[in-house]
Amino acid sequence: PKLLMLDEPSLGLAPRLVAEIFRIIAEIKRDGTSILLVEQNVRMALSVAHYAYVLEGGRLVLEGEAAELLENPNVQELYLGVTREPSVKGYKRYKAKRRWA
């Protein structure tokens, strides 16, 4: 096919199966098939994407090349759980739970 549309292919799968699914998606992409992927697993989705749109509450909040989004501090903190320094989000979580983790 010229276009493959996938809706949450990793939903409910064990991590090993998720890795295998995304290995297959990457292989299909390398073979030249365009892929429209809807996925909540941001890290895996961006690992196979060329370009991505980030939706929050049904609204477009970010878009760009996948490699750029992976380096975006907001994407890292809000969607990948990575922070380089204490953040407002982390502080709010601390206040609510009275612990950092």
PDB file of N, CA and C in Angstrom:
ATOM      1  N   PRO A   1       0.828  -1.204   0.000  1.00  0.00           N
ATOM      2  CA  PRO A   1       0.000   0.000   0.000  1.00  0.00           C
ATOM      3  C   PRO A   1       0.865   1.258   0.000  1.00  0.00           C
ATOM      4  N   LYS A   2       0.294   2.352  -0.453  1.00  0.00           N
ATOM      5  CA  LYS A   2       1.006   3.629  -0.421  1.00  0.00           C
ATOM      6  C   LYS A   2       0.905   4.283   0.956  1.00  0.00           C
ATOM      7  N   LEU A   3      -0.189   3.989   1.669  1.00  0.00           N
ATOM      8  CA  LEU A   3      -0.422   4.581   2.985  1.00  0.00           C
ATOM      9  C   LEU A   3      -0.929   3.516   3.947  1.00  0.00           C
ATOM     10  N   LEU A   4      -0.321   3.466   5.127  1.00  0.00           N
ATOM     11  CA  LEU A   4      -0.756   2.578   6.197  1.00  0.00           C
ATOM     12  C   LEU A   4      -1.213   3.450   7.359  1.00  0.00           C
ATOM     13  N   MET A   5      -2.462   3.265   7.801  1.00  0.00           N
ATOM     14  CA  MET A   5      -3.004   4.038   8.919  1.00  0.00           C
ATOM     15  C   MET A   5      -3.082   3.129  10.140  1.00  0.00           C
ATOM     16  N   LEU A   6      -2.453   3.561  11.235  1.00  0.00           N
ATOM     17  CA  LEU A   6      -2.410   2.767  12.466  1.00  0.00           C
ATOM     18  C   LEU A   6      -2.942   3.597  13.627  1.00  0.00           C
ATOM     19  N   ASP A   7      -3.869   3.030  14.384  1.00  0.00           N
ATOM     20  CA  ASP A   7      -4.452   3.706  15.537  1.00  0.00           C
ATOM     21  C   ASP A   7      -4.070   2.948  16.801  1.00  0.00           C
ATOM     22  N   GLU A   8      -3.172   3.515  17.590  1.00  0.00           N
ATOM     23  CA  GLU A   8      -2.720   2.944  18.858  1.00  0.00           C
ATOM     24  C   GLU A   8      -2.248   1.490  18.733  1.00  0.00           C
ATOM     25  N   PRO A   9      -1.283   1.215  17.868  1.00  0.00           N
ATOM     26  CA  PRO A   9      -0.858  -0.179  17.691  1.00  0.00           C
ATOM     27  C   PRO A   9      -0.208  -0.799  18.923  1.00  0.00           C
ATOM     28  N   SER A  10       0.225   0.019  19.883  1.00  0.00           N
ATOM     29  CA  SER A  10       0.892  -0.541  21.067  1.00  0.00           C
ATOM     30  C   SER A  10      -0.039  -0.689  22.268  1.00  0.00           C
ATOM     31  N   LEU A  11      -1.274  -0.250  22.137  1.00  0.00           N
ATOM     32  CA  LEU A  11      -2.204  -0.228  23.260  1.00  0.00           C
ATOM     33  C   LEU A  11      -2.389  -1.615  23.873  1.00  0.00           C
ATOM     34  N   GLY A  12      -2.090  -1.717  25.157  1.00  0.00           N
ATOM     35  CA  GLY A  12      -2.315  -2.946  25.899  1.00  0.00           C
ATOM     36  C   GLY A  12      -1.304  -4.054  25.679  1.00  0.00           C
ATOM     37  N   LEU A  13      -0.235  -3.769  24.956  1.00  0.00           N
ATOM     38  CA  LEU A  13       0.753  -4.805  24.658  1.00  0.00           C
ATOM     39  C   LEU A  13       1.918  -4.775  25.646  1.00  0.00           C
ATOM     40  N   ALA A  14       2.525  -5.924  25.837  1.00  0.00           N
ATOM     41  CA  ALA A  14       3.726  -6.032  26.662  1.00  0.00           C
ATOM     42  C   ALA A  14       4.876  -5.288  25.983  1.00  0.00           C
ATOM     43  N   PRO A  15       5.835  -4.779  26.757  1.00  0.00           N
ATOM     44  CA  PRO A  15       6.945  -4.016  26.179  1.00  0.00           C
ATOM     45  C   PRO A  15       7.681  -4.733  25.045  1.00  0.00           C
ATOM     46  N   ARG A  16       7.889  -6.023  25.149  1.00  0.00           N
ATOM     47  CA  ARG A  16       8.577  -6.742  24.065  1.00  0.00           C
ATOM     48  C   ARG A  16       7.767  -6.717  22.777  1.00  0.00           C
ATOM     49  N   LEU A  17       6.446  -6.856  22.895  1.00  0.00           N
ATOM     50  CA  LEU A  17       5.600  -6.800  21.706  1.00  0.00           C
ATOM     51  C   LEU A  17       5.575  -5.394  21.116  1.00  0.00           C
ATOM     52  N   VAL A  18       5.569  -4.390  21.987  1.00  0.00           N
ATOM     53  CA  VAL A  18       5.609  -3.000  21.512  1.00  0.00           C
ATOM     54  C   VAL A  18       6.881  -2.769  20.706  1.00  0.00           C
ATOM     55  N   ALA A  19       8.007  -3.222  21.223  1.00  0.00           N
ATOM     56  CA  ALA A  19       9.279  -3.068  20.504  1.00  0.00           C
ATOM     57  C   ALA A  19       9.216  -3.769  19.153  1.00  0.00           C
ATOM     58  N   GLU A  20       8.630  -4.943  19.103  1.00  0.00           N
ATOM     59  CA  GLU A  20       8.521  -5.688  17.842  1.00  0.00           C
ATOM     60  C   GLU A  20       7.593  -4.974  16.859  1.00  0.00           C
ATOM     61  N   ILE A  21       6.470  -4.472  17.350  1.00  0.00           N
ATOM     62  CA  ILE A  21       5.538  -3.731  16.490  1.00  0.00           C
ATOM     63  C   ILE A  21       6.239  -2.529  15.870  1.00  0.00           C
ATOM     64  N   PHE A  22       6.979  -1.778  16.676  1.00  0.00           N
ATOM     65  CA  PHE A  22       7.637  -0.583  16.154  1.00  0.00           C
ATOM     66  C   PHE A  22       8.829  -0.930  15.267  1.00  0.00           C
ATOM     67  N   ARG A  23       9.448  -2.065  15.478  1.00  0.00           N
ATOM     68  CA  ARG A  23      10.490  -2.524  14.558  1.00  0.00           C
ATOM     69  C   ARG A  23       9.865  -2.791  13.187  1.00  0.00           C
ATOM     70  N   ILE A  24       8.701  -3.397  13.175  1.00  0.00           N
ATOM     71  CA  ILE A  24       7.999  -3.680  11.916  1.00  0.00           C
ATOM     72  C   ILE A  24       7.542  -2.382  11.257  1.00  0.00           C
ATOM     73  N   ILE A  25       7.032  -1.436  12.051  1.00  0.00           N
ATOM     74  CA  ILE A  25       6.617  -0.143  11.502  1.00  0.00           C
ATOM     75  C   ILE A  25       7.805   0.555  10.852  1.00  0.00           C
ATOM     76  N   ALA A  26       8.958   0.543  11.504  1.00  0.00           N
ATOM     77  CA  ALA A  26      10.162   1.166  10.942  1.00  0.00           C
ATOM     78  C   ALA A  26      10.563   0.483   9.641  1.00  0.00           C
ATOM     79  N   GLU A  27      10.432  -0.822   9.580  1.00  0.00           N
ATOM     80  CA  GLU A  27      10.768  -1.566   8.365  1.00  0.00           C
ATOM     81  C   GLU A  27       9.821  -1.197   7.223  1.00  0.00           C
ATOM     82  N   ILE A  28       8.539  -1.094   7.519  1.00  0.00           N
ATOM     83  CA  ILE A  28       7.554  -0.694   6.506  1.00  0.00           C
ATOM     84  C   ILE A  28       7.869   0.711   6.005  1.00  0.00           C
ATOM     85  N   LYS A  29       8.243   1.599   6.916  1.00  0.00           N
ATOM     86  CA  LYS A  29       8.617   2.972   6.543  1.00  0.00           C
ATOM     87  C   LYS A  29       9.838   2.967   5.624  1.00  0.00           C
ATOM     88  N   ARG A  30      10.850   2.158   5.964  1.00  0.00           N
ATOM     89  CA  ARG A  30      12.059   2.074   5.134  1.00  0.00           C
ATOM     90  C   ARG A  30      11.754   1.568   3.730  1.00  0.00           C
ATOM     91  N   ASP A  31      10.726   0.732   3.624  1.00  0.00           N
ATOM     92  CA  ASP A  31      10.336   0.198   2.318  1.00  0.00           C
ATOM     93  C   ASP A  31       9.585   1.221   1.470  1.00  0.00           C
ATOM     94  N   GLY A  32       9.316   2.410   2.028  1.00  0.00           N
ATOM     95  CA  GLY A  32       8.733   3.489   1.245  1.00  0.00           C
ATOM     96  C   GLY A  32       7.249   3.720   1.435  1.00  0.00           C
ATOM     97  N   THR A  33       6.625   3.014   2.345  1.00  0.00           N
ATOM     98  CA  THR A  33       5.203   3.219   2.604  1.00  0.00           C
ATOM     99  C   THR A  33       5.029   4.387   3.572  1.00  0.00           C
ATOM    100  N   SER A  34       4.114   5.300   3.237  1.00  0.00           N
ATOM    101  CA  SER A  34       3.782   6.391   4.158  1.00  0.00           C
ATOM    102  C   SER A  34       2.928   5.828   5.281  1.00  0.00           C
ATOM    103  N   ILE A  35       3.130   6.355   6.491  1.00  0.00           N
ATOM    104  CA  ILE A  35       2.408   5.846   7.655  1.00  0.00           C
ATOM    105  C   ILE A  35       1.784   7.012   8.412  1.00  0.00           C
ATOM    106  N   LEU A  36       0.485   6.887   8.675  1.00  0.00           N
ATOM    107  CA  LEU A  36      -0.213   7.820   9.551  1.00  0.00           C
ATOM    108  C   LEU A  36      -0.433   7.077  10.860  1.00  0.00           C
ATOM    109  N   LEU A  37       0.252   7.519  11.907  1.00  0.00           N
ATOM    110  CA  LEU A  37       0.271   6.807  13.182  1.00  0.00           C
ATOM    111  C   LEU A  37      -0.334   7.666  14.279  1.00  0.00           C
ATOM    112  N   VAL A  38      -1.335   7.134  14.956  1.00  0.00           N
ATOM    113  CA  VAL A  38      -1.890   7.762  16.149  1.00  0.00           C
ATOM    114  C   VAL A  38      -1.421   6.907  17.315  1.00  0.00           C
ATOM    115  N   GLU A  39      -0.692   7.523  18.257  1.00  0.00           N
ATOM    116  CA  GLU A  39      -0.054   6.716  19.305  1.00  0.00           C
ATOM    117  C   GLU A  39       0.171   7.557  20.552  1.00  0.00           C
ATOM    118  N   GLN A  40      -0.147   7.004  21.730  1.00  0.00           N
ATOM    119  CA  GLN A  40       0.112   7.700  22.988  1.00  0.00           C
ATOM    120  C   GLN A  40       1.523   7.467  23.503  1.00  0.00           C
ATOM    121  N   ASN A  41       2.187   6.448  23.023  1.00  0.00           N
ATOM    122  CA  ASN A  41       3.571   6.165  23.423  1.00  0.00           C
ATOM    123  C   ASN A  41       4.474   7.103  22.618  1.00  0.00           C
ATOM    124  N   VAL A  42       4.682   8.286  23.167  1.00  0.00           N
ATOM    125  CA  VAL A  42       5.384   9.353  22.444  1.00  0.00           C
ATOM    126  C   VAL A  42       6.796   8.941  22.044  1.00  0.00           C
ATOM    127  N   ARG A  43       7.514   8.329  22.952  1.00  0.00           N
ATOM    128  CA  ARG A  43       8.903   7.947  22.664  1.00  0.00           C
ATOM    129  C   ARG A  43       8.972   7.005  21.456  1.00  0.00           C
ATOM    130  N   MET A  44       8.120   6.001  21.437  1.00  0.00           N
ATOM    131  CA  MET A  44       8.139   5.040  20.333  1.00  0.00           C
ATOM    132  C   MET A  44       7.650   5.689  19.037  1.00  0.00           C
ATOM    133  N   ALA A  45       6.601   6.498  19.136  1.00  0.00           N
ATOM    134  CA  ALA A  45       6.069   7.152  17.943  1.00  0.00           C
ATOM    135  C   ALA A  45       7.119   8.055  17.299  1.00  0.00           C
ATOM    136  N   LEU A  46       7.802   8.848  18.120  1.00  0.00           N
ATOM    137  CA  LEU A  46       8.812   9.751  17.567  1.00  0.00           C
ATOM    138  C   LEU A  46      10.039   8.997  17.057  1.00  0.00           C
ATOM    139  N   SER A  47      10.251   7.793  17.554  1.00  0.00           N
ATOM    140  CA  SER A  47      11.405   7.013  17.079  1.00  0.00           C
ATOM    141  C   SER A  47      11.236   6.551  15.634  1.00  0.00           C
ATOM    142  N   VAL A  48       9.997   6.464  15.159  1.00  0.00           N
ATOM    143  CA  VAL A  48       9.766   6.023  13.773  1.00  0.00           C
ATOM    144  C   VAL A  48       9.247   7.142  12.881  1.00  0.00           C
ATOM    145  N   ALA A  49       8.898   8.276  13.476  1.00  0.00           N
ATOM    146  CA  ALA A  49       8.282   9.365  12.712  1.00  0.00           C
ATOM    147  C   ALA A  49       9.320  10.254  12.041  1.00  0.00           C
ATOM    148  N   HIS A  50       8.893  10.870  10.958  1.00  0.00           N
ATOM    149  CA  HIS A  50       9.673  11.937  10.332  1.00  0.00           C
ATOM    150  C   HIS A  50       9.132  13.276  10.835  1.00  0.00           C
ATOM    151  N   TYR A  51       7.814  13.393  10.854  1.00  0.00           N
ATOM    152  CA  TYR A  51       7.142  14.621  11.272  1.00  0.00           C
ATOM    153  C   TYR A  51       6.028  14.227  12.231  1.00  0.00           C
ATOM    154  N   ALA A  52       5.750  15.068  13.236  1.00  0.00           N
ATOM    155  CA  ALA A  52       4.744  14.701  14.227  1.00  0.00           C
ATOM    156  C   ALA A  52       3.898  15.904  14.631  1.00  0.00           C
ATOM    157  N   TYR A  53       2.688  15.592  15.022  1.00  0.00           N
ATOM    158  CA  TYR A  53       1.759  16.558  15.595  1.00  0.00           C
ATOM    159  C   TYR A  53       1.444  16.087  17.004  1.00  0.00           C
ATOM    160  N   VAL A  54       1.494  16.988  17.969  1.00  0.00           N
ATOM    161  CA  VAL A  54       1.174  16.648  19.351  1.00  0.00           C
ATOM    162  C   VAL A  54      -0.174  17.279  19.674  1.00  0.00           C
ATOM    163  N   LEU A  55      -1.125  16.428  20.044  1.00  0.00           N
ATOM    164  CA  LEU A  55      -2.461  16.893  20.400  1.00  0.00           C
ATOM    165  C   LEU A  55      -2.646  16.787  21.906  1.00  0.00           C
ATOM    166  N   GLU A  56      -3.302  17.768  22.468  1.00  0.00           N
ATOM    167  CA  GLU A  56      -3.623  17.774  23.897  1.00  0.00           C
ATOM    168  C   GLU A  56      -5.081  18.185  24.006  1.00  0.00           C
ATOM    169  N   GLY A  57      -5.920  17.305  24.509  1.00  0.00           N
ATOM    170  CA  GLY A  57      -7.347  17.617  24.617  1.00  0.00           C
ATOM    171  C   GLY A  57      -7.991  17.876  23.272  1.00  0.00           C
ATOM    172  N   GLY A  58      -7.507  17.206  22.244  1.00  0.00           N
ATOM    173  CA  GLY A  58      -8.064  17.367  20.906  1.00  0.00           C
ATOM    174  C   GLY A  58      -7.562  18.592  20.156  1.00  0.00           C
ATOM    175  N   ARG A  59      -6.648  19.320  20.743  1.00  0.00           N
ATOM    176  CA  ARG A  59      -6.102  20.531  20.102  1.00  0.00           C
ATOM    177  C   ARG A  59      -4.624  20.341  19.788  1.00  0.00           C
ATOM    178  N   LEU A  60      -4.218  20.900  18.671  1.00  0.00           N
ATOM    179  CA  LEU A  60      -2.818  20.861  18.268  1.00  0.00           C
ATOM    180  C   LEU A  60      -2.014  21.805  19.158  1.00  0.00           C
ATOM    181  N   VAL A  61      -1.011  21.255  19.858  1.00  0.00           N
ATOM    182  CA  VAL A  61      -0.190  22.095  20.734  1.00  0.00           C
ATOM    183  C   VAL A  61       1.246  22.215  20.250  1.00  0.00           C
ATOM    184  N   LEU A  62       1.714  21.255  19.483  1.00  0.00           N
ATOM    185  CA  LEU A  62       3.075  21.282  18.940  1.00  0.00           C
ATOM    186  C   LEU A  62       3.098  20.510  17.633  1.00  0.00           C
ATOM    187  N   GLU A  63       4.015  20.887  16.772  1.00  0.00           N
ATOM    188  CA  GLU A  63       4.260  20.111  15.565  1.00  0.00           C
ATOM    189  C   GLU A  63       5.685  20.365  15.121  1.00  0.00           C
ATOM    190  N   GLY A  64       6.231  19.412  14.398  1.00  0.00           N
ATOM    191  CA  GLY A  64       7.578  19.585  13.886  1.00  0.00           C
ATOM    192  C   GLY A  64       8.213  18.257  13.540  1.00  0.00           C
ATOM    193  N   GLU A  65       9.458  18.340  13.100  1.00  0.00           N
ATOM    194  CA  GLU A  65      10.185  17.120  12.788  1.00  0.00           C
ATOM    195  C   GLU A  65      10.404  16.338  14.078  1.00  0.00           C
ATOM    196  N   ALA A  66      10.300  15.028  13.978  1.00  0.00           N
ATOM    197  CA  ALA A  66      10.380  14.168  15.161  1.00  0.00           C
ATOM    198  C   ALA A  66      11.669  14.391  15.946  1.00  0.00           C
ATOM    199  N   ALA A  67      12.782  14.511  15.260  1.00  0.00           N
ATOM    200  CA  ALA A  67      14.068  14.705  15.945  1.00  0.00           C
ATOM    201  C   ALA A  67      14.066  16.002  16.750  1.00  0.00           C
ATOM    202  N   GLU A  68      13.451  17.050  16.210  1.00  0.00           N
ATOM    203  CA  GLU A  68      13.373  18.322  16.931  1.00  0.00           C
ATOM    204  C   GLU A  68      12.449  18.213  18.144  1.00  0.00           C
ATOM    205  N   LEU A  69      11.335  17.514  17.981  1.00  0.00           N
ATOM    206  CA  LEU A  69      10.413  17.348  19.101  1.00  0.00           C
ATOM    207  C   LEU A  69      11.050  16.546  20.227  1.00  0.00           C
ATOM    208  N   LEU A  70      11.856  15.552  19.890  1.00  0.00           N
ATOM    209  CA  LEU A  70      12.543  14.763  20.916  1.00  0.00           C
ATOM    210  C   LEU A  70      13.488  15.618  21.751  1.00  0.00           C
ATOM    211  N   GLU A  71      14.024  16.681  21.162  1.00  0.00           N
ATOM    212  CA  GLU A  71      14.946  17.579  21.871  1.00  0.00           C
ATOM    213  C   GLU A  71      14.234  18.737  22.558  1.00  0.00           C
ATOM    214  N   ASN A  72      12.944  18.910  22.305  1.00  0.00           N
ATOM    215  CA  ASN A  72      12.176  20.008  22.877  1.00  0.00           C
ATOM    216  C   ASN A  72      11.988  19.774  24.380  1.00  0.00           C
ATOM    217  N   PRO A  73      12.423  20.716  25.234  1.00  0.00           N
ATOM    218  CA  PRO A  73      12.314  20.529  26.688  1.00  0.00           C
ATOM    219  C   PRO A  73      10.877  20.294  27.161  1.00  0.00           C
ATOM    220  N   ASN A  74       9.904  20.947  26.529  1.00  0.00           N
ATOM    221  CA  ASN A  74       8.508  20.744  26.922  1.00  0.00           C
ATOM    222  C   ASN A  74       8.050  19.327  26.608  1.00  0.00           C
ATOM    223  N   VAL A  75       8.411  18.818  25.457  1.00  0.00           N
ATOM    224  CA  VAL A  75       8.061  17.444  25.091  1.00  0.00           C
ATOM    225  C   VAL A  75       8.753  16.478  26.045  1.00  0.00           C
ATOM    226  N   GLN A  76      10.020  16.737  26.330  1.00  0.00           N
ATOM    227  CA  GLN A  76      10.765  15.855  27.234  1.00  0.00           C
ATOM    228  C   GLN A  76      10.111  15.798  28.610  1.00  0.00           C
ATOM    229  N   GLU A  77       9.711  16.945  29.125  1.00  0.00           N
ATOM    230  CA  GLU A  77       9.129  16.975  30.468  1.00  0.00           C
ATOM    231  C   GLU A  77       7.699  16.445  30.488  1.00  0.00           C
ATOM    232  N   LEU A  78       6.861  16.943  29.585  1.00  0.00           N
ATOM    233  CA  LEU A  78       5.437  16.638  29.659  1.00  0.00           C
ATOM    234  C   LEU A  78       5.063  15.280  29.086  1.00  0.00           C
ATOM    235  N   TYR A  79       5.813  14.801  28.095  1.00  0.00           N
ATOM    236  CA  TYR A  79       5.416  13.567  27.420  1.00  0.00           C
ATOM    237  C   TYR A  79       6.415  12.429  27.578  1.00  0.00           C
ATOM    238  N   LEU A  80       7.648  12.746  27.928  1.00  0.00           N
ATOM    239  CA  LEU A  80       8.663  11.702  28.068  1.00  0.00           C
ATOM    240  C   LEU A  80       9.126  11.523  29.510  1.00  0.00           C
ATOM    241  N   GLY A  81       8.711  12.427  30.398  1.00  0.00           N
ATOM    242  CA  GLY A  81       9.077  12.307  31.803  1.00  0.00           C
ATOM    243  C   GLY A  81      10.528  12.622  32.096  1.00  0.00           C
ATOM    244  N   VAL A  82      11.159  13.413  31.238  1.00  0.00           N
ATOM    245  CA  VAL A  82      12.573  13.753  31.395  1.00  0.00           C
ATOM    246  C   VAL A  82      12.685  15.229  31.757  1.00  0.00           C
ATOM    247  N   THR A  83      13.429  15.534  32.822  1.00  0.00           N
ATOM    248  CA  THR A  83      13.692  16.931  33.154  1.00  0.00           C
ATOM    249  C   THR A  83      15.161  17.102  33.489  1.00  0.00           C
ATOM    250  N   ARG A  84      15.694  18.234  33.118  1.00  0.00           N
ATOM    251  CA  ARG A  84      17.095  18.538  33.404  1.00  0.00           C
ATOM    252  C   ARG A  84      17.233  19.325  34.706  1.00  0.00           C
ATOM    253  N   GLU A  85      16.153  19.973  35.114  1.00  0.00           N
ATOM    254  CA  GLU A  85      16.172  20.764  36.333  1.00  0.00           C
ATOM    255  C   GLU A  85      14.768  20.741  36.937  1.00  0.00           C
ATOM    256  N   PRO A  86      14.634  21.112  38.204  1.00  0.00           N
ATOM    257  CA  PRO A  86      13.306  21.119  38.817  1.00  0.00           C
ATOM    258  C   PRO A  86      12.338  21.983  38.010  1.00  0.00           C
ATOM    259  N   SER A  87      11.127  21.511  37.878  1.00  0.00           N
ATOM    260  CA  SER A  87      10.159  22.220  37.050  1.00  0.00           C
ATOM    261  C   SER A  87       8.908  22.553  37.846  1.00  0.00           C
ATOM    262  N   VAL A  88       8.089  23.401  37.276  1.00  0.00           N
ATOM    263  CA  VAL A  88       6.817  23.757  37.894  1.00  0.00           C
ATOM    264  C   VAL A  88       5.947  22.511  38.014  1.00  0.00           C
ATOM    265  N   LYS A  89       5.917  21.701  36.967  1.00  0.00           N
ATOM    266  CA  LYS A  89       5.122  20.475  37.000  1.00  0.00           C
ATOM    267  C   LYS A  89       5.590  19.567  38.137  1.00  0.00           C
ATOM    268  N   GLY A  90       6.887  19.404  38.273  1.00  0.00           N
ATOM    269  CA  GLY A  90       7.430  18.570  39.335  1.00  0.00           C
ATOM    270  C   GLY A  90       7.100  19.117  40.712  1.00  0.00           C
ATOM    271  N   TYR A  91       7.167  20.423  40.861  1.00  0.00           N
ATOM    272  CA  TYR A  91       6.858  21.044  42.147  1.00  0.00           C
ATOM    273  C   TYR A  91       5.390  20.853  42.507  1.00  0.00           C
ATOM    274  N   LYS A  92       4.499  21.011  41.520  1.00  0.00           N
ATOM    275  CA  LYS A  92       3.069  20.805  41.767  1.00  0.00           C
ATOM    276  C   LYS A  92       2.806  19.356  42.171  1.00  0.00           C
ATOM    277  N   ARG A  93       3.479  18.423  41.542  1.00  0.00           N
ATOM    278  CA  ARG A  93       3.330  17.011  41.883  1.00  0.00           C
ATOM    279  C   ARG A  93       3.808  16.778  43.320  1.00  0.00           C
ATOM    280  N   TYR A  94       4.943  17.408  43.661  1.00  0.00           N
ATOM    281  CA  TYR A  94       5.476  17.277  45.022  1.00  0.00           C
ATOM    282  C   TYR A  94       4.469  17.802  46.050  1.00  0.00           C
ATOM    283  N   LYS A  95       3.910  18.976  45.785  1.00  0.00           N
ATOM    284  CA  LYS A  95       2.961  19.563  46.726  1.00  0.00           C
ATOM    285  C   LYS A  95       1.734  18.681  46.893  1.00  0.00           C
ATOM    286  N   ALA A  96       1.272  18.068  45.817  1.00  0.00           N
ATOM    287  CA  ALA A  96       0.072  17.232  45.886  1.00  0.00           C
ATOM    288  C   ALA A  96       0.338  15.922  46.618  1.00  0.00           C
ATOM    289  N   LYS A  97       1.494  15.315  46.361  1.00  0.00           N
ATOM    290  CA  LYS A  97       1.782  13.992  46.929  1.00  0.00           C
ATOM    291  C   LYS A  97       2.746  14.037  48.109  1.00  0.00           C
ATOM    292  N   ARG A  98       3.373  15.187  48.335  1.00  0.00           N
ATOM    293  CA  ARG A  98       4.373  15.363  49.380  1.00  0.00           C
ATOM    294  C   ARG A  98       5.573  14.438  49.201  1.00  0.00           C
ATOM    295  N   ARG A  99       5.887  14.137  47.978  1.00  0.00           N
ATOM    296  CA  ARG A  99       7.100  13.376  47.651  1.00  0.00           C
ATOM    297  C   ARG A  99       7.466  13.684  46.207  1.00  0.00           C
ATOM    298  N   TRP A 100       8.722  13.476  45.852  1.00  0.00           N
ATOM    299  CA  TRP A 100       9.196  13.820  44.520  1.00  0.00           C
ATOM    300  C   TRP A 100       8.928  12.738  43.499  1.00  0.00           C
ATOM    301  N   ALA A 101       8.810  11.502  43.903  1.00  0.00           N
ATOM    302  CA  ALA A 101       8.615  10.428  42.930  1.00  0.00           C
ATOM    303  C   ALA A 101       7.157  10.069  42.795  1.00  0.00           C
TER     304      ALA A 101
END
